[in-house]
């Protein structure tokens, strides 16, 4: 384990959370842990057991740090939480979006905001 590299990455992520974890910046969660730590743990597990040999389970996923890092690594993931807010937000953030549908929604939003944004 490269602890110095992990410490450097932690510092960078903590200074600018929105830039280094944009998907989870969509919703706030009070106890979110640094992605670098979750990623380092998953990398160590992969080194020990191999990529396709296990399912990552996070029964109290909260802000979804472990889930996001597992998905980034292509690992099978199971996440849940007792509260509906983080579960809904995590499922929404991890659900792929059709780029054309997204663009159409953005156009509709901009049209509706046109009167407010025109002066700027």
C-alpha atoms as a PDB file:
ATOM      1  CA  UNK A   1       0.000   0.000   0.000  1.00  0.00           C
ATOM      2  CA  UNK A   2       1.325   3.424  -0.973  1.00  0.00           C
ATOM      3  CA  UNK A   3       0.366   5.355   2.174  1.00  0.00           C
ATOM      4  CA  UNK A   4       2.094   8.581   1.139  1.00  0.00           C
ATOM      5  CA  UNK A   5       0.260   8.585  -2.176  1.00  0.00           C
ATOM      6  CA  UNK A   6      -3.026   7.887  -0.392  1.00  0.00           C
ATOM      7  CA  UNK A   7      -2.374  10.753   2.045  1.00  0.00           C
ATOM      8  CA  UNK A   8      -1.693  13.113  -0.870  1.00  0.00           C
ATOM      9  CA  UNK A   9      -4.877  12.026  -2.650  1.00  0.00           C
ATOM     10  CA  UNK A  10      -6.899  12.468   0.542  1.00  0.00           C
ATOM     11  CA  UNK A  11      -5.646  16.030   0.901  1.00  0.00           C
ATOM     12  CA  UNK A  12      -6.564  16.869  -2.674  1.00  0.00           C
ATOM     13  CA  UNK A  13     -10.032  15.344  -2.374  1.00  0.00           C
ATOM     14  CA  UNK A  14     -10.795  17.037   0.922  1.00  0.00           C
ATOM     15  CA  UNK A  15      -9.789  20.463  -0.425  1.00  0.00           C
ATOM     16  CA  UNK A  16     -12.026  20.201  -3.476  1.00  0.00           C
ATOM     17  CA  UNK A  17     -14.712  17.576  -2.930  1.00  0.00           C
ATOM     18  CA  UNK A  18     -17.000  18.701  -5.762  1.00  0.00           C
ATOM     19  CA  UNK A  19     -14.246  18.396  -8.360  1.00  0.00           C
ATOM     20  CA  UNK A  20     -13.003  14.961  -7.318  1.00  0.00           C
ATOM     21  CA  UNK A  21     -16.355  13.358  -6.515  1.00  0.00           C
ATOM     22  CA  UNK A  22     -18.906  15.114  -8.759  1.00  0.00           C
ATOM     23  CA  UNK A  23     -21.444  12.285  -8.790  1.00  0.00           C
ATOM     24  CA  UNK A  24     -21.883  12.335  -5.038  1.00  0.00           C
ATOM     25  CA  UNK A  25     -21.979  16.109  -5.005  1.00  0.00           C
ATOM     26  CA  UNK A  26     -25.506  15.805  -6.376  1.00  0.00           C
ATOM     27  CA  UNK A  27     -26.726  15.080  -2.857  1.00  0.00           C
ATOM     28  CA  UNK A  28     -25.338  15.765   0.578  1.00  0.00           C
ATOM     29  CA  UNK A  29     -24.829  13.184   3.266  1.00  0.00           C
ATOM     30  CA  UNK A  30     -23.515  14.033   6.714  1.00  0.00           C
ATOM     31  CA  UNK A  31     -21.090  11.127   7.210  1.00  0.00           C
ATOM     32  CA  UNK A  32     -19.531  10.634   3.785  1.00  0.00           C
ATOM     33  CA  UNK A  33     -16.011   9.233   3.949  1.00  0.00           C
ATOM     34  CA  UNK A  34     -13.190  10.115   1.541  1.00  0.00           C
ATOM     35  CA  UNK A  35     -13.280   8.243  -1.748  1.00  0.00           C
ATOM     36  CA  UNK A  36      -9.526   7.697  -1.652  1.00  0.00           C
ATOM     37  CA  UNK A  37      -9.850   5.537   1.470  1.00  0.00           C
ATOM     38  CA  UNK A  38     -12.713   3.429   0.112  1.00  0.00           C
ATOM     39  CA  UNK A  39     -10.859   3.060  -3.182  1.00  0.00           C
ATOM     40  CA  UNK A  40      -7.644   1.974  -1.448  1.00  0.00           C
ATOM     41  CA  UNK A  41      -9.545  -0.680   0.541  1.00  0.00           C
ATOM     42  CA  UNK A  42     -11.204  -2.003  -2.624  1.00  0.00           C
ATOM     43  CA  UNK A  43      -7.897  -2.005  -4.498  1.00  0.00           C
ATOM     44  CA  UNK A  44      -6.303  -4.017  -1.683  1.00  0.00           C
ATOM     45  CA  UNK A  45      -9.210  -6.500  -1.777  1.00  0.00           C
ATOM     46  CA  UNK A  46      -8.857  -6.842  -5.545  1.00  0.00           C
ATOM     47  CA  UNK A  47      -5.127  -7.454  -5.202  1.00  0.00           C
ATOM     48  CA  UNK A  48      -5.823 -10.152  -2.626  1.00  0.00           C
ATOM     49  CA  UNK A  49      -8.848 -11.888  -4.159  1.00  0.00           C
ATOM     50  CA  UNK A  50      -9.020 -10.846  -7.824  1.00  0.00           C
ATOM     51  CA  UNK A  51     -11.622  -8.729  -9.598  1.00  0.00           C
ATOM     52  CA  UNK A  52     -14.416 -11.203 -10.328  1.00  0.00           C
ATOM     53  CA  UNK A  53     -14.241 -13.160  -7.115  1.00  0.00           C
ATOM     54  CA  UNK A  54     -16.427 -11.143  -4.753  1.00  0.00           C
ATOM     55  CA  UNK A  55     -19.408  -8.815  -4.406  1.00  0.00           C
ATOM     56  CA  UNK A  56     -18.924  -5.585  -2.501  1.00  0.00           C
ATOM     57  CA  UNK A  57     -21.706  -5.163   0.068  1.00  0.00           C
ATOM     58  CA  UNK A  58     -22.405  -1.968   1.977  1.00  0.00           C
ATOM     59  CA  UNK A  59     -25.540  -2.488   4.084  1.00  0.00           C
ATOM     60  CA  UNK A  60     -25.429   1.056   5.512  1.00  0.00           C
ATOM     61  CA  UNK A  61     -24.332   2.877   2.364  1.00  0.00           C
ATOM     62  CA  UNK A  62     -25.390   6.400   3.360  1.00  0.00           C
ATOM     63  CA  UNK A  63     -23.571   8.775   1.019  1.00  0.00           C
ATOM     64  CA  UNK A  64     -22.518   5.943  -1.266  1.00  0.00           C
ATOM     65  CA  UNK A  65     -18.747   6.322  -1.176  1.00  0.00           C
ATOM     66  CA  UNK A  66     -18.088   2.568  -1.239  1.00  0.00           C
ATOM     67  CA  UNK A  67     -20.723   2.023  -3.950  1.00  0.00           C
ATOM     68  CA  UNK A  68     -19.281   4.714  -6.227  1.00  0.00           C
ATOM     69  CA  UNK A  69     -15.753   3.404  -5.855  1.00  0.00           C
ATOM     70  CA  UNK A  70     -16.851  -0.199  -6.477  1.00  0.00           C
ATOM     71  CA  UNK A  71     -18.771   0.803  -9.602  1.00  0.00           C
ATOM     72  CA  UNK A  72     -15.781   2.846 -10.856  1.00  0.00           C
ATOM     73  CA  UNK A  73     -13.710  -0.337 -10.595  1.00  0.00           C
ATOM     74  CA  UNK A  74     -16.309  -2.488 -12.351  1.00  0.00           C
ATOM     75  CA  UNK A  75     -17.017  -4.546  -9.235  1.00  0.00           C
ATOM     76  CA  UNK A  76     -20.345  -6.157  -8.428  1.00  0.00           C
ATOM     77  CA  UNK A  77     -22.018  -3.987  -5.778  1.00  0.00           C
ATOM     78  CA  UNK A  78     -24.889  -4.277  -3.309  1.00  0.00           C
ATOM     79  CA  UNK A  79     -25.816  -1.153  -1.350  1.00  0.00           C
ATOM     80  CA  UNK A  80     -28.731  -0.250   0.886  1.00  0.00           C
ATOM     81  CA  UNK A  81     -29.500   2.082   3.752  1.00  0.00           C
ATOM     82  CA  UNK A  82     -32.130   2.369   6.461  1.00  0.00           C
ATOM     83  CA  UNK A  83     -33.130   5.819   5.248  1.00  0.00           C
ATOM     84  CA  UNK A  84     -34.869   6.377   1.920  1.00  0.00           C
ATOM     85  CA  UNK A  85     -33.097   9.663   1.050  1.00  0.00           C
ATOM     86  CA  UNK A  86     -29.582   8.268   0.557  1.00  0.00           C
ATOM     87  CA  UNK A  87     -30.914   5.102  -1.090  1.00  0.00           C
ATOM     88  CA  UNK A  88     -32.939   7.112  -3.600  1.00  0.00           C
ATOM     89  CA  UNK A  89     -30.070   9.514  -4.317  1.00  0.00           C
ATOM     90  CA  UNK A  90     -27.531   6.726  -4.722  1.00  0.00           C
ATOM     91  CA  UNK A  91     -29.801   4.793  -7.086  1.00  0.00           C
ATOM     92  CA  UNK A  92     -30.456   7.964  -9.083  1.00  0.00           C
ATOM     93  CA  UNK A  93     -26.770   8.881  -9.309  1.00  0.00           C
ATOM     94  CA  UNK A  94     -25.787   5.369 -10.446  1.00  0.00           C
ATOM     95  CA  UNK A  95     -28.552   5.006 -13.042  1.00  0.00           C
ATOM     96  CA  UNK A  96     -27.242   5.684 -16.551  1.00  0.00           C
ATOM     97  CA  UNK A  97     -28.851   8.597 -18.390  1.00  0.00           C
ATOM     98  CA  UNK A  98     -29.651   8.681 -22.080  1.00  0.00           C
ATOM     99  CA  UNK A  99     -27.584  11.615 -23.457  1.00  0.00           C
ATOM    100  CA  UNK A 100     -30.349  12.634 -25.883  1.00  0.00           C
ATOM    101  CA  UNK A 101     -32.956  12.629 -23.133  1.00  0.00           C
ATOM    102  CA  UNK A 102     -30.601  14.659 -20.931  1.00  0.00           C
ATOM    103  CA  UNK A 103     -30.023  17.216 -23.704  1.00  0.00           C
ATOM    104  CA  UNK A 104     -33.773  17.533 -24.322  1.00  0.00           C
ATOM    105  CA  UNK A 105     -34.381  18.099 -20.606  1.00  0.00           C
ATOM    106  CA  UNK A 106     -31.623  20.726 -20.507  1.00  0.00           C
ATOM    107  CA  UNK A 107     -33.218  22.569 -23.448  1.00  0.00           C
ATOM    108  CA  UNK A 108     -36.604  22.581 -21.697  1.00  0.00           C
ATOM    109  CA  UNK A 109     -35.043  23.877 -18.484  1.00  0.00           C
ATOM    110  CA  UNK A 110     -33.171  26.659 -20.295  1.00  0.00           C
ATOM    111  CA  UNK A 111     -36.326  27.683 -22.151  1.00  0.00           C
ATOM    112  CA  UNK A 112     -38.229  27.941 -18.871  1.00  0.00           C
ATOM    113  CA  UNK A 113     -35.436  29.971 -17.291  1.00  0.00           C
ATOM    114  CA  UNK A 114     -34.932  32.215 -20.301  1.00  0.00           C
ATOM    115  CA  UNK A 115     -36.637  35.259 -18.783  1.00  0.00           C
ATOM    116  CA  UNK A 116     -34.438  35.056 -15.670  1.00  0.00           C
ATOM    117  CA  UNK A 117     -31.171  34.365 -17.476  1.00  0.00           C
ATOM    118  CA  UNK A 118     -31.558  36.834 -20.347  1.00  0.00           C
ATOM    119  CA  UNK A 119     -30.267  39.864 -18.374  1.00  0.00           C
ATOM    120  CA  UNK A 120     -27.075  37.976 -17.556  1.00  0.00           C
END
